[in-house]
Amino acid sequence: MAIASDILIALVAFLHVYFLVLEMFLWDKPYGLKTFGHTQEIASKTKVLAANQGLYNGFLAAGLVWGLFSQQGMNIKIFFLSCIIIAGIYGSLTAHRKILFVQAIPGCISLVFLLLSA
């Protein structure tokens, strides 16, 4: 169960690196515009905000990777998965419902596997 947990956590970390790339580097590019359903005008106006959001996603990914390689990994992974779940729930309530499915639910599944592996 511990191996499955670590694999799921690594996948969630990878997702957040992907979010970082989308929000920091592709926000106003054709792929980013299509992914987020924005116009070029909206993307240009919100590019700095998106980059900031992408940076935070990078910190979440870094925290999970840190947890995977740390002696105190359990507590670190619980903390960062909890942050991801809360951010996903908040995002689904304030921005777009699909954030629940691409961020919060993968975080929840990973947290359940982590707690079951303890």
PDB file of N, CA and C in Angstrom:
ATOM      1  N   MET A   1       0.820  -1.198   0.000  1.00  0.00           N
ATOM      2  CA  MET A   1       0.000   0.000   0.000  1.00  0.00           C
ATOM      3  C   MET A   1       0.866   1.265   0.000  1.00  0.00           C
ATOM      4  N   ALA A   2       2.015   1.211   0.663  1.00  0.00           N
ATOM      5  CA  ALA A   2       2.905   2.375   0.709  1.00  0.00           C
ATOM      6  C   ALA A   2       3.422   2.737  -0.675  1.00  0.00           C
ATOM      7  N   ILE A   3       3.726   1.716  -1.484  1.00  0.00           N
ATOM      8  CA  ILE A   3       4.211   1.980  -2.844  1.00  0.00           C
ATOM      9  C   ILE A   3       3.112   2.620  -3.680  1.00  0.00           C
ATOM     10  N   ALA A   4       1.897   2.109  -3.578  1.00  0.00           N
ATOM     11  CA  ALA A   4       0.768   2.696  -4.303  1.00  0.00           C
ATOM     12  C   ALA A   4       0.551   4.147  -3.875  1.00  0.00           C
ATOM     13  N   SER A   5       0.659   4.402  -2.589  1.00  0.00           N
ATOM     14  CA  SER A   5       0.509   5.751  -2.068  1.00  0.00           C
ATOM     15  C   SER A   5       1.556   6.688  -2.657  1.00  0.00           C
ATOM     16  N   ASP A   6       2.801   6.251  -2.650  1.00  0.00           N
ATOM     17  CA  ASP A   6       3.873   7.091  -3.191  1.00  0.00           C
ATOM     18  C   ASP A   6       3.706   7.323  -4.691  1.00  0.00           C
ATOM     19  N   ILE A   7       3.231   6.330  -5.410  1.00  0.00           N
ATOM     20  CA  ILE A   7       2.993   6.504  -6.845  1.00  0.00           C
ATOM     21  C   ILE A   7       1.892   7.536  -7.076  1.00  0.00           C
ATOM     22  N   LEU A   8       0.820   7.429  -6.318  1.00  0.00           N
ATOM     23  CA  LEU A   8      -0.267   8.402  -6.444  1.00  0.00           C
ATOM     24  C   LEU A   8       0.189   9.814  -6.085  1.00  0.00           C
ATOM     25  N   ILE A   9       0.977   9.925  -5.038  1.00  0.00           N
ATOM     26  CA  ILE A   9       1.493  11.239  -4.630  1.00  0.00           C
ATOM     27  C   ILE A   9       2.413  11.801  -5.707  1.00  0.00           C
ATOM     28  N   ALA A  10       3.242  10.959  -6.298  1.00  0.00           N
ATOM     29  CA  ALA A  10       4.108  11.411  -7.385  1.00  0.00           C
ATOM     30  C   ALA A  10       3.272  11.887  -8.576  1.00  0.00           C
ATOM     31  N   LEU A  11       2.178  11.201  -8.859  1.00  0.00           N
ATOM     32  CA  LEU A  11       1.293  11.624  -9.947  1.00  0.00           C
ATOM     33  C   LEU A  11       0.639  12.973  -9.645  1.00  0.00           C
ATOM     34  N   VAL A  12       0.230  13.176  -8.411  1.00  0.00           N
ATOM     35  CA  VAL A  12      -0.351  14.469  -8.021  1.00  0.00           C
ATOM     36  C   VAL A  12       0.713  15.564  -8.129  1.00  0.00           C
ATOM     37  N   ALA A  13       1.936  15.270  -7.728  1.00  0.00           N
ATOM     38  CA  ALA A  13       3.026  16.238  -7.870  1.00  0.00           C
ATOM     39  C   ALA A  13       3.238  16.575  -9.351  1.00  0.00           C
ATOM     40  N   PHE A  14       3.230  15.548 -10.204  1.00  0.00           N
ATOM     41  CA  PHE A  14       3.383  15.771 -11.641  1.00  0.00           C
ATOM     42  C   PHE A  14       2.252  16.647 -12.174  1.00  0.00           C
ATOM     43  N   LEU A  15       1.017  16.392 -11.737  1.00  0.00           N
ATOM     44  CA  LEU A  15      -0.114  17.228 -12.151  1.00  0.00           C
ATOM     45  C   LEU A  15       0.131  18.694 -11.816  1.00  0.00           C
ATOM     46  N   HIS A  16       0.686  18.947 -10.635  1.00  0.00           N
ATOM     47  CA  HIS A  16       0.908  20.329 -10.230  1.00  0.00           C
ATOM     48  C   HIS A  16       2.071  20.972 -10.981  1.00  0.00           C
ATOM     49  N   VAL A  17       3.040  20.191 -11.399  1.00  0.00           N
ATOM     50  CA  VAL A  17       4.080  20.728 -12.290  1.00  0.00           C
ATOM     51  C   VAL A  17       3.446  21.078 -13.636  1.00  0.00           C
ATOM     52  N   TYR A  18       2.552  20.213 -14.111  1.00  0.00           N
ATOM     53  CA  TYR A  18       1.820  20.490 -15.349  1.00  0.00           C
ATOM     54  C   TYR A  18       1.002  21.773 -15.219  1.00  0.00           C
ATOM     55  N   PHE A  19       0.318  21.956 -14.080  1.00  0.00           N
ATOM     56  CA  PHE A  19      -0.435  23.191 -13.858  1.00  0.00           C
ATOM     57  C   PHE A  19       0.503  24.397 -13.869  1.00  0.00           C
ATOM     58  N   LEU A  20       1.679  24.254 -13.256  1.00  0.00           N
ATOM     59  CA  LEU A  20       2.675  25.330 -13.257  1.00  0.00           C
ATOM     60  C   LEU A  20       3.016  25.732 -14.682  1.00  0.00           C
ATOM     61  N   VAL A  21       3.320  24.754 -15.535  1.00  0.00           N
ATOM     62  CA  VAL A  21       3.689  25.037 -16.924  1.00  0.00           C
ATOM     63  C   VAL A  21       2.530  25.716 -17.654  1.00  0.00           C
ATOM     64  N   LEU A  22       1.332  25.184 -17.483  1.00  0.00           N
ATOM     65  CA  LEU A  22       0.160  25.786 -18.133  1.00  0.00           C
ATOM     66  C   LEU A  22      -0.031  27.242 -17.713  1.00  0.00           C
ATOM     67  N   GLU A  23       0.055  27.494 -16.422  1.00  0.00           N
ATOM     68  CA  GLU A  23      -0.271  28.821 -15.913  1.00  0.00           C
ATOM     69  C   GLU A  23       0.878  29.818 -16.051  1.00  0.00           C
ATOM     70  N   MET A  24       2.098  29.353 -15.980  1.00  0.00           N
ATOM     71  CA  MET A  24       3.224  30.282 -16.062  1.00  0.00           C
ATOM     72  C   MET A  24       3.715  30.520 -17.485  1.00  0.00           C
ATOM     73  N   PHE A  25       3.630  29.507 -18.327  1.00  0.00           N
ATOM     74  CA  PHE A  25       4.265  29.611 -19.639  1.00  0.00           C
ATOM     75  C   PHE A  25       3.312  29.480 -20.825  1.00  0.00           C
ATOM     76  N   LEU A  26       2.165  28.846 -20.636  1.00  0.00           N
ATOM     77  CA  LEU A  26       1.262  28.601 -21.759  1.00  0.00           C
ATOM     78  C   LEU A  26      -0.069  29.345 -21.643  1.00  0.00           C
ATOM     79  N   TRP A  27      -0.227  30.145 -20.629  1.00  0.00           N
ATOM     80  CA  TRP A  27      -1.494  30.821 -20.349  1.00  0.00           C
ATOM     81  C   TRP A  27      -2.055  31.562 -21.562  1.00  0.00           C
ATOM     82  N   ASP A  28      -1.198  32.316 -22.246  1.00  0.00           N
ATOM     83  CA  ASP A  28      -1.658  33.128 -23.376  1.00  0.00           C
ATOM     84  C   ASP A  28      -1.273  32.535 -24.732  1.00  0.00           C
ATOM     85  N   LYS A  29      -0.857  31.274 -24.725  1.00  0.00           N
ATOM     86  CA  LYS A  29      -0.531  30.555 -25.961  1.00  0.00           C
ATOM     87  C   LYS A  29      -1.759  29.744 -26.390  1.00  0.00           C
ATOM     88  N   PRO A  30      -1.799  29.304 -27.642  1.00  0.00           N
ATOM     89  CA  PRO A  30      -2.994  28.575 -28.117  1.00  0.00           C
ATOM     90  C   PRO A  30      -3.415  27.400 -27.227  1.00  0.00           C
ATOM     91  N   TYR A  31      -2.454  26.601 -26.753  1.00  0.00           N
ATOM     92  CA  TYR A  31      -2.814  25.463 -25.901  1.00  0.00           C
ATOM     93  C   TYR A  31      -3.431  25.930 -24.578  1.00  0.00           C
ATOM     94  N   GLY A  32      -2.862  26.962 -23.980  1.00  0.00           N
ATOM     95  CA  GLY A  32      -3.404  27.504 -22.732  1.00  0.00           C
ATOM     96  C   GLY A  32      -4.767  28.136 -22.935  1.00  0.00           C
ATOM     97  N   LEU A  33      -4.933  28.863 -24.029  1.00  0.00           N
ATOM     98  CA  LEU A  33      -6.230  29.480 -24.322  1.00  0.00           C
ATOM     99  C   LEU A  33      -7.303  28.410 -24.477  1.00  0.00           C
ATOM    100  N   LYS A  34      -6.962  27.329 -25.192  1.00  0.00           N
ATOM    101  CA  LYS A  34      -7.920  26.237 -25.388  1.00  0.00           C
ATOM    102  C   LYS A  34      -8.218  25.523 -24.064  1.00  0.00           C
ATOM    103  N   THR A  35      -7.169  25.260 -23.285  1.00  0.00           N
ATOM    104  CA  THR A  35      -7.328  24.540 -22.024  1.00  0.00           C
ATOM    105  C   THR A  35      -8.246  25.288 -21.059  1.00  0.00           C
ATOM    106  N   PHE A  36      -8.037  26.592 -20.954  1.00  0.00           N
ATOM    107  CA  PHE A  36      -8.792  27.378 -19.979  1.00  0.00           C
ATOM    108  C   PHE A  36     -10.011  28.077 -20.577  1.00  0.00           C
ATOM    109  N   GLY A  37     -10.177  28.017 -21.901  1.00  0.00           N
ATOM    110  CA  GLY A  37     -11.338  28.623 -22.541  1.00  0.00           C
ATOM    111  C   GLY A  37     -11.348  30.139 -22.487  1.00  0.00           C
ATOM    112  N   HIS A  38     -10.161  30.750 -22.504  1.00  0.00           N
ATOM    113  CA  HIS A  38     -10.052  32.210 -22.461  1.00  0.00           C
ATOM    114  C   HIS A  38      -9.811  32.772 -23.854  1.00  0.00           C
ATOM    115  N   THR A  39     -10.126  34.037 -23.993  1.00  0.00           N
ATOM    116  CA  THR A  39      -9.743  34.761 -25.202  1.00  0.00           C
ATOM    117  C   THR A  39      -8.330  35.306 -25.004  1.00  0.00           C
ATOM    118  N   GLN A  40      -7.708  35.707 -26.079  1.00  0.00           N
ATOM    119  CA  GLN A  40      -6.374  36.302 -25.990  1.00  0.00           C
ATOM    120  C   GLN A  40      -6.408  37.561 -25.130  1.00  0.00           C
ATOM    121  N   GLU A  41      -7.474  38.327 -25.244  1.00  0.00           N
ATOM    122  CA  GLU A  41      -7.599  39.562 -24.468  1.00  0.00           C
ATOM    123  C   GLU A  41      -7.634  39.271 -22.961  1.00  0.00           C
ATOM    124  N   ILE A  42      -8.450  38.323 -22.558  1.00  0.00           N
ATOM    125  CA  ILE A  42      -8.533  37.963 -21.132  1.00  0.00           C
ATOM    126  C   ILE A  42      -7.204  37.399 -20.652  1.00  0.00           C
ATOM    127  N   ALA A  43      -6.600  36.524 -21.465  1.00  0.00           N
ATOM    128  CA  ALA A  43      -5.324  35.916 -21.075  1.00  0.00           C
ATOM    129  C   ALA A  43      -4.240  36.974 -20.905  1.00  0.00           C
ATOM    130  N   SER A  44      -4.218  37.960 -21.774  1.00  0.00           N
ATOM    131  CA  SER A  44      -3.216  39.024 -21.659  1.00  0.00           C
ATOM    132  C   SER A  44      -3.401  39.833 -20.381  1.00  0.00           C
ATOM    133  N   LYS A  45      -4.655  40.094 -20.034  1.00  0.00           N
ATOM    134  CA  LYS A  45      -4.936  40.875 -18.828  1.00  0.00           C
ATOM    135  C   LYS A  45      -4.654  40.100 -17.538  1.00  0.00           C
ATOM    136  N   THR A  46      -4.743  38.773 -17.591  1.00  0.00           N
ATOM    137  CA  THR A  46      -4.610  37.964 -16.373  1.00  0.00           C
ATOM    138  C   THR A  46      -3.310  37.166 -16.324  1.00  0.00           C
ATOM    139  N   LYS A  47      -2.410  37.416 -17.253  1.00  0.00           N
ATOM    140  CA  LYS A  47      -1.181  36.621 -17.360  1.00  0.00           C
ATOM    141  C   LYS A  47      -0.347  36.642 -16.075  1.00  0.00           C
ATOM    142  N   VAL A  48      -0.201  37.795 -15.466  1.00  0.00           N
ATOM    143  CA  VAL A  48       0.609  37.907 -14.252  1.00  0.00           C
ATOM    144  C   VAL A  48      -0.050  37.143 -13.103  1.00  0.00           C
ATOM    145  N   LEU A  49      -1.362  37.246 -12.987  1.00  0.00           N
ATOM    146  CA  LEU A  49      -2.080  36.510 -11.937  1.00  0.00           C
ATOM    147  C   LEU A  49      -1.943  35.002 -12.145  1.00  0.00           C
ATOM    148  N   ALA A  50      -2.059  34.566 -13.400  1.00  0.00           N
ATOM    149  CA  ALA A  50      -1.931  33.136 -13.703  1.00  0.00           C
ATOM    150  C   ALA A  50      -0.529  32.637 -13.380  1.00  0.00           C
ATOM    151  N   ALA A  51       0.482  33.441 -13.689  1.00  0.00           N
ATOM    152  CA  ALA A  51       1.859  33.035 -13.391  1.00  0.00           C
ATOM    153  C   ALA A  51       2.065  32.882 -11.887  1.00  0.00           C
ATOM    154  N   ASN A  52       1.486  33.777 -11.121  1.00  0.00           N
ATOM    155  CA  ASN A  52       1.568  33.688  -9.663  1.00  0.00           C
ATOM    156  C   ASN A  52       0.895  32.402  -9.186  1.00  0.00           C
ATOM    157  N   GLN A  53      -0.265  32.110  -9.729  1.00  0.00           N
ATOM    158  CA  GLN A  53      -0.989  30.885  -9.376  1.00  0.00           C
ATOM    159  C   GLN A  53      -0.172  29.651  -9.765  1.00  0.00           C
ATOM    160  N   GLY A  54       0.462  29.703 -10.924  1.00  0.00           N
ATOM    161  CA  GLY A  54       1.309  28.595 -11.362  1.00  0.00           C
ATOM    162  C   GLY A  54       2.474  28.367 -10.419  1.00  0.00           C
ATOM    163  N   LEU A  55       3.059  29.458  -9.933  1.00  0.00           N
ATOM    164  CA  LEU A  55       4.167  29.344  -8.988  1.00  0.00           C
ATOM    165  C   LEU A  55       3.723  28.628  -7.721  1.00  0.00           C
ATOM    166  N   TYR A  56       2.534  28.955  -7.229  1.00  0.00           N
ATOM    167  CA  TYR A  56       2.007  28.269  -6.045  1.00  0.00           C
ATOM    168  C   TYR A  56       1.805  26.777  -6.310  1.00  0.00           C
ATOM    169  N   ASN A  57       1.344  26.437  -7.499  1.00  0.00           N
ATOM    170  CA  ASN A  57       1.212  25.018  -7.844  1.00  0.00           C
ATOM    171  C   ASN A  57       2.578  24.335  -7.849  1.00  0.00           C
ATOM    172  N   GLY A  58       3.593  25.053  -8.265  1.00  0.00           N
ATOM    173  CA  GLY A  58       4.946  24.506  -8.218  1.00  0.00           C
ATOM    174  C   GLY A  58       5.400  24.250  -6.790  1.00  0.00           C
ATOM    175  N   PHE A  59       5.051  25.150  -5.884  1.00  0.00           N
ATOM    176  CA  PHE A  59       5.393  24.938  -4.469  1.00  0.00           C
ATOM    177  C   PHE A  59       4.683  23.709  -3.908  1.00  0.00           C
ATOM    178  N   LEU A  60       3.429  23.498  -4.310  1.00  0.00           N
ATOM    179  CA  LEU A  60       2.708  22.304  -3.859  1.00  0.00           C
ATOM    180  C   LEU A  60       3.391  21.039  -4.372  1.00  0.00           C
ATOM    181  N   ALA A  61       3.799  21.058  -5.633  1.00  0.00           N
ATOM    182  CA  ALA A  61       4.509  19.902  -6.198  1.00  0.00           C
ATOM    183  C   ALA A  61       5.832  19.675  -5.470  1.00  0.00           C
ATOM    184  N   ALA A  62       6.561  20.750  -5.214  1.00  0.00           N
ATOM    185  CA  ALA A  62       7.838  20.632  -4.511  1.00  0.00           C
ATOM    186  C   ALA A  62       7.648  20.057  -3.116  1.00  0.00           C
ATOM    187  N   GLY A  63       6.589  20.470  -2.444  1.00  0.00           N
ATOM    188  CA  GLY A  63       6.302  19.941  -1.105  1.00  0.00           C
ATOM    189  C   GLY A  63       6.033  18.448  -1.135  1.00  0.00           C
ATOM    190  N   LEU A  64       5.287  17.988  -2.134  1.00  0.00           N
ATOM    191  CA  LEU A  64       5.027  16.547  -2.235  1.00  0.00           C
ATOM    192  C   LEU A  64       6.304  15.772  -2.527  1.00  0.00           C
ATOM    193  N   VAL A  65       7.135  16.298  -3.410  1.00  0.00           N
ATOM    194  CA  VAL A  65       8.411  15.629  -3.718  1.00  0.00           C
ATOM    195  C   VAL A  65       9.286  15.605  -2.472  1.00  0.00           C
ATOM    196  N   TRP A  66       9.326  16.706  -1.745  1.00  0.00           N
ATOM    197  CA  TRP A  66      10.060  16.756  -0.484  1.00  0.00           C
ATOM    198  C   TRP A  66       9.557  15.663   0.458  1.00  0.00           C
ATOM    199  N   GLY A  67       8.241  15.543   0.567  1.00  0.00           N
ATOM    200  CA  GLY A  67       7.652  14.520   1.430  1.00  0.00           C
ATOM    201  C   GLY A  67       8.027  13.113   1.004  1.00  0.00           C
ATOM    202  N   LEU A  68       8.131  12.874  -0.300  1.00  0.00           N
ATOM    203  CA  LEU A  68       8.494  11.544  -0.795  1.00  0.00           C
ATOM    204  C   LEU A  68       9.914  11.143  -0.403  1.00  0.00           C
ATOM    205  N   PHE A  69      10.787  12.135  -0.198  1.00  0.00           N
ATOM    206  CA  PHE A  69      12.196  11.835   0.080  1.00  0.00           C
ATOM    207  C   PHE A  69      12.656  12.208   1.482  1.00  0.00           C
ATOM    208  N   SER A  70      11.738  12.653   2.325  1.00  0.00           N
ATOM    209  CA  SER A  70      12.093  13.124   3.660  1.00  0.00           C
ATOM    210  C   SER A  70      11.892  12.044   4.722  1.00  0.00           C
ATOM    211  N   GLN A  71      12.675  12.128   5.782  1.00  0.00           N
ATOM    212  CA  GLN A  71      12.503  11.240   6.933  1.00  0.00           C
ATOM    213  C   GLN A  71      11.156  11.482   7.621  1.00  0.00           C
ATOM    214  N   GLN A  72      10.685  12.715   7.603  1.00  0.00           N
ATOM    215  CA  GLN A  72       9.390  13.064   8.185  1.00  0.00           C
ATOM    216  C   GLN A  72       8.323  13.135   7.094  1.00  0.00           C
ATOM    217  N   GLY A  73       8.445  12.285   6.097  1.00  0.00           N
ATOM    218  CA  GLY A  73       7.610  12.341   4.906  1.00  0.00           C
ATOM    219  C   GLY A  73       6.125  12.262   5.155  1.00  0.00           C
ATOM    220  N   MET A  74       5.704  11.461   6.092  1.00  0.00           N
ATOM    221  CA  MET A  74       4.268  11.278   6.344  1.00  0.00           C
ATOM    222  C   MET A  74       3.603  12.613   6.662  1.00  0.00           C
ATOM    223  N   ASN A  75       4.145  13.346   7.621  1.00  0.00           N
ATOM    224  CA  ASN A  75       3.554  14.628   8.008  1.00  0.00           C
ATOM    225  C   ASN A  75       3.614  15.643   6.873  1.00  0.00           C
ATOM    226  N   ILE A  76       4.703  15.667   6.143  1.00  0.00           N
ATOM    227  CA  ILE A  76       4.856  16.603   5.022  1.00  0.00           C
ATOM    228  C   ILE A  76       3.841  16.280   3.933  1.00  0.00           C
ATOM    229  N   LYS A  77       3.699  15.000   3.601  1.00  0.00           N
ATOM    230  CA  LYS A  77       2.744  14.603   2.561  1.00  0.00           C
ATOM    231  C   LYS A  77       1.312  14.910   2.993  1.00  0.00           C
ATOM    232  N   ILE A  78       0.988  14.654   4.247  1.00  0.00           N
ATOM    233  CA  ILE A  78      -0.358  14.975   4.743  1.00  0.00           C
ATOM    234  C   ILE A  78      -0.625  16.472   4.622  1.00  0.00           C
ATOM    235  N   PHE A  79       0.341  17.278   5.024  1.00  0.00           N
ATOM    236  CA  PHE A  79       0.168  18.730   4.961  1.00  0.00           C
ATOM    237  C   PHE A  79      -0.068  19.196   3.526  1.00  0.00           C
ATOM    238  N   PHE A  80       0.811  18.800   2.601  1.00  0.00           N
ATOM    239  CA  PHE A  80       0.697  19.300   1.231  1.00  0.00           C
ATOM    240  C   PHE A  80      -0.523  18.727   0.502  1.00  0.00           C
ATOM    241  N   LEU A  81      -0.872  17.472   0.757  1.00  0.00           N
ATOM    242  CA  LEU A  81      -2.096  16.934   0.164  1.00  0.00           C
ATOM    243  C   LEU A  81      -3.316  17.671   0.704  1.00  0.00           C
ATOM    244  N   SER A  82      -3.307  17.997   1.983  1.00  0.00           N
ATOM    245  CA  SER A  82      -4.412  18.757   2.567  1.00  0.00           C
ATOM    246  C   SER A  82      -4.530  20.138   1.920  1.00  0.00           C
ATOM    247  N   CYS A  83      -3.402  20.789   1.697  1.00  0.00           N
ATOM    248  CA  CYS A  83      -3.407  22.091   1.016  1.00  0.00           C
ATOM    249  C   CYS A  83      -3.993  21.959  -0.383  1.00  0.00           C
ATOM    250  N   ILE A  84      -3.599  20.913  -1.090  1.00  0.00           N
ATOM    251  CA  ILE A  84      -4.098  20.679  -2.445  1.00  0.00           C
ATOM    252  C   ILE A  84      -5.603  20.437  -2.439  1.00  0.00           C
ATOM    253  N   ILE A  85      -6.071  19.647  -1.503  1.00  0.00           N
ATOM    254  CA  ILE A  85      -7.508  19.358  -1.409  1.00  0.00           C
ATOM    255  C   ILE A  85      -8.294  20.637  -1.123  1.00  0.00           C
ATOM    256  N   ILE A  86      -7.825  21.419  -0.164  1.00  0.00           N
ATOM    257  CA  ILE A  86      -8.511  22.672   0.186  1.00  0.00           C
ATOM    258  C   ILE A  86      -8.503  23.638  -0.999  1.00  0.00           C
ATOM    259  N   ALA A  87      -7.350  23.766  -1.660  1.00  0.00           N
ATOM    260  CA  ALA A  87      -7.270  24.653  -2.826  1.00  0.00           C
ATOM    261  C   ALA A  87      -8.188  24.167  -3.945  1.00  0.00           C
ATOM    262  N   GLY A  88      -8.271  22.860  -4.132  1.00  0.00           N
ATOM    263  CA  GLY A  88      -9.144  22.310  -5.160  1.00  0.00           C
ATOM    264  C   GLY A  88     -10.617  22.545  -4.865  1.00  0.00           C
ATOM    265  N   ILE A  89     -10.997  22.382  -3.618  1.00  0.00           N
ATOM    266  CA  ILE A  89     -12.392  22.640  -3.234  1.00  0.00           C
ATOM    267  C   ILE A  89     -12.718  24.122  -3.414  1.00  0.00           C
ATOM    268  N   TYR A  90     -11.825  24.971  -2.941  1.00  0.00           N
ATOM    269  CA  TYR A  90     -12.043  26.421  -3.077  1.00  0.00           C
ATOM    270  C   TYR A  90     -12.124  26.813  -4.554  1.00  0.00           C
ATOM    271  N   GLY A  91     -11.197  26.295  -5.352  1.00  0.00           N
ATOM    272  CA  GLY A  91     -11.206  26.599  -6.782  1.00  0.00           C
ATOM    273  C   GLY A  91     -12.466  26.126  -7.468  1.00  0.00           C
ATOM    274  N   SER A  92     -12.972  24.972  -7.048  1.00  0.00           N
ATOM    275  CA  SER A  92     -14.199  24.456  -7.667  1.00  0.00           C
ATOM    276  C   SER A  92     -15.412  25.303  -7.295  1.00  0.00           C
ATOM    277  N   LEU A  93     -15.373  25.925  -6.129  1.00  0.00           N
ATOM    278  CA  LEU A  93     -16.483  26.773  -5.694  1.00  0.00           C
ATOM    279  C   LEU A  93     -16.408  28.186  -6.266  1.00  0.00           C
ATOM    280  N   THR A  94     -15.194  28.664  -6.542  1.00  0.00           N
ATOM    281  CA  THR A  94     -15.030  30.063  -6.952  1.00  0.00           C
ATOM    282  C   THR A  94     -14.639  30.249  -8.411  1.00  0.00           C
ATOM    283  N   ALA A  95     -14.047  29.232  -9.038  1.00  0.00           N
ATOM    284  CA  ALA A  95     -13.573  29.409 -10.410  1.00  0.00           C
ATOM    285  C   ALA A  95     -14.292  28.467 -11.378  1.00  0.00           C
ATOM    286  N   HIS A  96     -14.025  27.185 -11.262  1.00  0.00           N
ATOM    287  CA  HIS A  96     -14.615  26.219 -12.187  1.00  0.00           C
ATOM    288  C   HIS A  96     -14.783  24.871 -11.500  1.00  0.00           C
ATOM    289  N   ARG A  97     -15.923  24.271 -11.709  1.00  0.00           N
ATOM    290  CA  ARG A  97     -16.251  23.011 -11.026  1.00  0.00           C
ATOM    291  C   ARG A  97     -15.271  21.879 -11.339  1.00  0.00           C
ATOM    292  N   LYS A  98     -14.687  21.874 -12.546  1.00  0.00           N
ATOM    293  CA  LYS A  98     -13.802  20.770 -12.918  1.00  0.00           C
ATOM    294  C   LYS A  98     -12.527  20.726 -12.072  1.00  0.00           C
ATOM    295  N   ILE A  99     -12.206  21.823 -11.387  1.00  0.00           N
ATOM    296  CA  ILE A  99     -11.035  21.833 -10.500  1.00  0.00           C
ATOM    297  C   ILE A  99     -11.199  20.786  -9.401  1.00  0.00           C
ATOM    298  N   LEU A 100     -12.423  20.548  -8.998  1.00  0.00           N
ATOM    299  CA  LEU A 100     -12.686  19.502  -8.003  1.00  0.00           C
ATOM    300  C   LEU A 100     -12.170  18.151  -8.501  1.00  0.00           C
ATOM    301  N   PHE A 101     -12.372  17.882  -9.778  1.00  0.00           N
ATOM    302  CA  PHE A 101     -12.020  16.581 -10.345  1.00  0.00           C
ATOM    303  C   PHE A 101     -10.553  16.457 -10.731  1.00  0.00           C
ATOM    304  N   VAL A 102      -9.924  17.566 -11.108  1.00  0.00           N
ATOM    305  CA  VAL A 102      -8.522  17.474 -11.530  1.00  0.00           C
ATOM    306  C   VAL A 102      -7.537  17.781 -10.412  1.00  0.00           C
ATOM    307  N   GLN A 103      -8.003  18.374  -9.332  1.00  0.00           N
ATOM    308  CA  GLN A 103      -7.094  18.711  -8.230  1.00  0.00           C
ATOM    309  C   GLN A 103      -7.531  18.089  -6.904  1.00  0.00           C
ATOM    310  N   ALA A 104      -8.741  18.367  -6.449  1.00  0.00           N
ATOM    311  CA  ALA A 104      -9.143  17.932  -5.110  1.00  0.00           C
ATOM    312  C   ALA A 104      -9.317  16.421  -5.012  1.00  0.00           C
ATOM    313  N   ILE A 105      -9.983  15.818  -5.968  1.00  0.00           N
ATOM    314  CA  ILE A 105     -10.233  14.374  -5.875  1.00  0.00           C
ATOM    315  C   ILE A 105      -8.938  13.562  -5.981  1.00  0.00           C
ATOM    316  N   PRO A 106      -8.024  13.881  -6.918  1.00  0.00           N
ATOM    317  CA  PRO A 106      -6.747  13.144  -6.898  1.00  0.00           C
ATOM    318  C   PRO A 106      -5.994  13.326  -5.570  1.00  0.00           C
ATOM    319  N   GLY A 107      -6.071  14.518  -5.001  1.00  0.00           N
ATOM    320  CA  GLY A 107      -5.454  14.748  -3.691  1.00  0.00           C
ATOM    321  C   GLY A 107      -6.111  13.909  -2.604  1.00  0.00           C
ATOM    322  N   CYS A 108      -7.439  13.819  -2.631  1.00  0.00           N
ATOM    323  CA  CYS A 108      -8.180  13.014  -1.643  1.00  0.00           C
ATOM    324  C   CYS A 108      -7.832  11.535  -1.764  1.00  0.00           C
ATOM    325  N   ILE A 109      -7.812  11.043  -2.982  1.00  0.00           N
ATOM    326  CA  ILE A 109      -7.485   9.627  -3.193  1.00  0.00           C
ATOM    327  C   ILE A 109      -6.070   9.338  -2.683  1.00  0.00           C
ATOM    328  N   SER A 110      -5.139  10.224  -3.000  1.00  0.00           N
ATOM    329  CA  SER A 110      -3.759  10.040  -2.530  1.00  0.00           C
ATOM    330  C   SER A 110      -3.676  10.074  -1.014  1.00  0.00           C
ATOM    331  N   LEU A 111      -4.416  10.992  -0.395  1.00  0.00           N
ATOM    332  CA  LEU A 111      -4.406  11.095   1.064  1.00  0.00           C
ATOM    333  C   LEU A 111      -4.993   9.837   1.699  1.00  0.00           C
ATOM    334  N   VAL A 112      -6.064   9.305   1.146  1.00  0.00           N
ATOM    335  CA  VAL A 112      -6.660   8.075   1.674  1.00  0.00           C
ATOM    336  C   VAL A 112      -5.648   6.931   1.594  1.00  0.00           C
ATOM    337  N   PHE A 113      -5.002   6.782   0.444  1.00  0.00           N
ATOM    338  CA  PHE A 113      -3.999   5.720   0.305  1.00  0.00           C
ATOM    339  C   PHE A 113      -2.843   5.930   1.285  1.00  0.00           C
ATOM    340  N   LEU A 114      -2.436   7.185   1.464  1.00  0.00           N
ATOM    341  CA  LEU A 114      -1.346   7.474   2.403  1.00  0.00           C
ATOM    342  C   LEU A 114      -1.743   7.065   3.823  1.00  0.00           C
ATOM    343  N   LEU A 115      -2.932   7.447   4.243  1.00  0.00           N
ATOM    344  CA  LEU A 115      -3.377   7.142   5.599  1.00  0.00           C
ATOM    345  C   LEU A 115      -3.583   5.632   5.793  1.00  0.00           C
ATOM    346  N   LEU A 116      -4.030   4.946   4.757  1.00  0.00           N
ATOM    347  CA  LEU A 116      -4.189   3.495   4.849  1.00  0.00           C
ATOM    348  C   LEU A 116      -2.844   2.779   4.889  1.00  0.00           C
ATOM    349  N   SER A 117      -1.819   3.406   4.367  1.00  0.00           N
ATOM    350  CA  SER A 117      -0.495   2.763   4.354  1.00  0.00           C
ATOM    351  C   SER A 117       0.259   2.956   5.658  1.00  0.00           C
ATOM    352  N   ALA A 118      -0.267   3.793   6.537  1.00  0.00           N
ATOM    353  CA  ALA A 118       0.424   4.099   7.799  1.00  0.00           C
ATOM    354  C   ALA A 118       0.329   2.945   8.789  1.00  0.00           C
TER     355      ALA A 118
END
